Amino acid sequence: MKKKLHTNICSFKLLFLTIVLIICVNFSFAQPKLPQRIITVTATQSLNFGTLYATGAGGTVTVGWDGTRTSTGSISLLSLAPSAQPAIFQIKLCKGRNVTITFLLQQL
């Protein structure tokens, strides 16, 4: 009876040590999670070209980061409300990646 009890205790100890060893190996050699590859772009402020007037074939209007605007071609800029404002985007992505946002307004 004593020998059987000793064998059961040794088997239990061996099983317990095997489980602990497996858990330790999994934690010590596990690779870190890879970062998400999802890019999230949210417009926090919409683009507004301000008030303008086209007298001919058209042209371009450029709005700077500070709200200043310039025009080319036959576009006249007016100083009426609403005023020009640049678009502002909140971008979430992996560190070290580049993002280019291009906005082209088609003729209406």
C-alpha atoms as a PDB file:
ATOM      1  CA  MET A   1       0.000   0.000   0.000  1.00  0.00           C
ATOM      2  CA  LYS A   2       2.833   2.350   0.867  1.00  0.00           C
ATOM      3  CA  LYS A   3       4.564   1.705  -2.455  1.00  0.00           C
ATOM      4  CA  LYS A   4       1.370   2.399  -4.423  1.00  0.00           C
ATOM      5  CA  LEU A   5       0.827   5.678  -2.538  1.00  0.00           C
ATOM      6  CA  HIS A   6       4.435   6.692  -3.221  1.00  0.00           C
ATOM      7  CA  THR A   7       3.974   5.904  -6.940  1.00  0.00           C
ATOM      8  CA  ASN A   8       0.776   7.980  -7.091  1.00  0.00           C
ATOM      9  CA  ILE A   9       2.490  10.953  -5.432  1.00  0.00           C
ATOM     10  CA  CYS A  10       5.452  10.681  -7.815  1.00  0.00           C
ATOM     11  CA  SER A  11       3.098  10.517 -10.807  1.00  0.00           C
ATOM     12  CA  PHE A  12       1.203  13.567  -9.537  1.00  0.00           C
ATOM     13  CA  LYS A  13       4.467  15.505  -9.026  1.00  0.00           C
ATOM     14  CA  LEU A  14       5.676  14.540 -12.493  1.00  0.00           C
ATOM     15  CA  LEU A  15       2.380  15.628 -14.068  1.00  0.00           C
ATOM     16  CA  PHE A  16       2.425  18.919 -12.142  1.00  0.00           C
ATOM     17  CA  LEU A  17       6.028  19.700 -13.128  1.00  0.00           C
ATOM     18  CA  THR A  18       5.289  18.854 -16.773  1.00  0.00           C
ATOM     19  CA  ILE A  19       2.335  21.265 -16.843  1.00  0.00           C
ATOM     20  CA  VAL A  20       4.392  24.028 -15.185  1.00  0.00           C
ATOM     21  CA  LEU A  21       7.217  23.463 -17.675  1.00  0.00           C
ATOM     22  CA  ILE A  22       4.848  23.656 -20.658  1.00  0.00           C
ATOM     23  CA  ILE A  23       3.305  26.898 -19.371  1.00  0.00           C
ATOM     24  CA  CYS A  24       6.738  28.463 -18.752  1.00  0.00           C
ATOM     25  CA  VAL A  25       8.014  27.497 -22.201  1.00  0.00           C
ATOM     26  CA  ASN A  26       4.899  28.945 -23.883  1.00  0.00           C
ATOM     27  CA  PHE A  27       5.294  32.266 -22.109  1.00  0.00           C
ATOM     28  CA  SER A  28       9.046  32.587 -22.544  1.00  0.00           C
ATOM     29  CA  PHE A  29       9.156  31.793 -26.273  1.00  0.00           C
ATOM     30  CA  ALA A  30       5.865  33.324 -27.386  1.00  0.00           C
ATOM     31  CA  GLN A  31       6.225  36.078 -29.971  1.00  0.00           C
ATOM     32  CA  PRO A  32       4.646  39.472 -29.306  1.00  0.00           C
ATOM     33  CA  LYS A  33       1.440  40.299 -31.107  1.00  0.00           C
ATOM     34  CA  LEU A  34       1.935  41.925 -34.474  1.00  0.00           C
ATOM     35  CA  PRO A  35       0.592  45.473 -34.772  1.00  0.00           C
ATOM     36  CA  GLN A  36      -2.651  45.992 -36.613  1.00  0.00           C
ATOM     37  CA  ARG A  37      -2.315  46.693 -40.306  1.00  0.00           C
ATOM     38  CA  ILE A  38      -5.556  48.623 -40.378  1.00  0.00           C
ATOM     39  CA  ILE A  39      -5.403  52.301 -41.281  1.00  0.00           C
ATOM     40  CA  THR A  40      -8.134  54.491 -39.843  1.00  0.00           C
ATOM     41  CA  VAL A  41      -8.681  57.979 -41.300  1.00  0.00           C
ATOM     42  CA  THR A  42     -11.249  60.285 -39.720  1.00  0.00           C
ATOM     43  CA  ALA A  43     -11.988  63.808 -40.956  1.00  0.00           C
ATOM     44  CA  THR A  44     -12.171  66.067 -37.896  1.00  0.00           C
ATOM     45  CA  GLN A  45     -12.608  69.247 -39.942  1.00  0.00           C
ATOM     46  CA  SER A  46     -13.936  69.407 -43.483  1.00  0.00           C
ATOM     47  CA  LEU A  47     -12.300  71.321 -46.317  1.00  0.00           C
ATOM     48  CA  ASN A  48     -13.889  74.650 -47.238  1.00  0.00           C
ATOM     49  CA  PHE A  49     -12.617  76.793 -50.129  1.00  0.00           C
ATOM     50  CA  GLY A  50     -14.475  79.883 -48.941  1.00  0.00           C
ATOM     51  CA  THR A  51     -16.480  82.134 -51.231  1.00  0.00           C
ATOM     52  CA  LEU A  52     -15.215  82.390 -54.784  1.00  0.00           C
ATOM     53  CA  TYR A  53     -16.372  83.388 -58.232  1.00  0.00           C
ATOM     54  CA  ALA A  54     -15.404  81.772 -61.545  1.00  0.00           C
ATOM     55  CA  THR A  55     -15.513  84.130 -64.546  1.00  0.00           C
ATOM     56  CA  GLY A  56     -14.214  81.910 -67.325  1.00  0.00           C
ATOM     57  CA  ALA A  57     -12.768  78.489 -68.037  1.00  0.00           C
ATOM     58  CA  GLY A  58     -11.838  77.898 -64.382  1.00  0.00           C
ATOM     59  CA  GLY A  59      -8.615  77.487 -62.458  1.00  0.00           C
ATOM     60  CA  THR A  60      -7.436  76.246 -59.092  1.00  0.00           C
ATOM     61  CA  VAL A  61      -7.949  77.280 -55.477  1.00  0.00           C
ATOM     62  CA  THR A  62      -5.379  76.233 -52.903  1.00  0.00           C
ATOM     63  CA  VAL A  63      -6.094  76.392 -49.158  1.00  0.00           C
ATOM     64  CA  GLY A  64      -3.000  76.466 -46.924  1.00  0.00           C
ATOM     65  CA  TRP A  65      -2.649  74.818 -43.521  1.00  0.00           C
ATOM     66  CA  ASP A  66      -3.449  78.149 -41.844  1.00  0.00           C
ATOM     67  CA  GLY A  67      -6.538  78.922 -43.964  1.00  0.00           C
ATOM     68  CA  THR A  68      -4.829  81.242 -46.435  1.00  0.00           C
ATOM     69  CA  ARG A  69      -5.890  80.678 -50.015  1.00  0.00           C
ATOM     70  CA  THR A  70      -4.584  81.415 -53.467  1.00  0.00           C
ATOM     71  CA  SER A  71      -6.138  81.049 -56.886  1.00  0.00           C
ATOM     72  CA  THR A  72      -5.076  80.665 -60.496  1.00  0.00           C
ATOM     73  CA  GLY A  73      -6.902  81.039 -63.769  1.00  0.00           C
ATOM     74  CA  SER A  74     -10.186  82.906 -63.863  1.00  0.00           C
ATOM     75  CA  ILE A  75     -11.103  82.321 -60.184  1.00  0.00           C
ATOM     76  CA  SER A  76     -11.754  85.399 -58.039  1.00  0.00           C
ATOM     77  CA  LEU A  77     -11.603  85.022 -54.264  1.00  0.00           C
ATOM     78  CA  LEU A  78     -14.238  86.936 -52.285  1.00  0.00           C
ATOM     79  CA  SER A  79     -13.979  88.023 -48.640  1.00  0.00           C
ATOM     80  CA  LEU A  80     -17.468  86.851 -47.676  1.00  0.00           C
ATOM     81  CA  ALA A  81     -18.609  84.153 -45.280  1.00  0.00           C
ATOM     82  CA  PRO A  82     -17.973  81.274 -45.149  1.00  0.00           C
ATOM     83  CA  SER A  83     -14.226  81.649 -44.815  1.00  0.00           C
ATOM     84  CA  ALA A  84     -11.708  79.099 -46.061  1.00  0.00           C
ATOM     85  CA  GLN A  85     -10.551  76.346 -43.737  1.00  0.00           C
ATOM     86  CA  PRO A  86      -8.151  73.460 -44.337  1.00  0.00           C
ATOM     87  CA  ALA A  87      -9.207  69.859 -43.857  1.00  0.00           C
ATOM     88  CA  ILE A  88      -7.907  68.156 -40.715  1.00  0.00           C
ATOM     89  CA  PHE A  89      -7.614  64.377 -40.523  1.00  0.00           C
ATOM     90  CA  GLN A  90      -6.920  62.072 -37.612  1.00  0.00           C
ATOM     91  CA  ILE A  91      -4.901  59.095 -38.855  1.00  0.00           C
ATOM     92  CA  LYS A  92      -4.182  55.917 -36.903  1.00  0.00           C
ATOM     93  CA  LEU A  93      -1.699  53.461 -38.388  1.00  0.00           C
ATOM     94  CA  CYS A  94       1.466  51.506 -37.650  1.00  0.00           C
ATOM     95  CA  LYS A  95       4.539  53.529 -36.743  1.00  0.00           C
ATOM     96  CA  GLY A  96       6.883  54.223 -39.653  1.00  0.00           C
ATOM     97  CA  ARG A  97       4.285  54.137 -42.424  1.00  0.00           C
ATOM     98  CA  ASN A  98       3.530  56.997 -44.801  1.00  0.00           C
ATOM     99  CA  VAL A  99       0.107  58.262 -45.818  1.00  0.00           C
ATOM    100  CA  THR A 100      -0.804  60.512 -48.736  1.00  0.00           C
ATOM    101  CA  ILE A 101      -4.265  62.061 -48.853  1.00  0.00           C
ATOM    102  CA  THR A 102      -5.310  63.514 -52.189  1.00  0.00           C
ATOM    103  CA  PHE A 103      -8.561  65.382 -52.657  1.00  0.00           C
ATOM    104  CA  LEU A 104      -9.651  66.250 -56.163  1.00  0.00           C
ATOM    105  CA  LEU A 105     -12.809  68.250 -56.651  1.00  0.00           C
ATOM    106  CA  GLN A 106     -14.471  67.508 -59.929  1.00  0.00           C
ATOM    107  CA  GLN A 107     -16.237  70.252 -61.838  1.00  0.00           C
ATOM    108  CA  LEU A 108     -19.917  70.377 -60.971  1.00  0.00           C
END
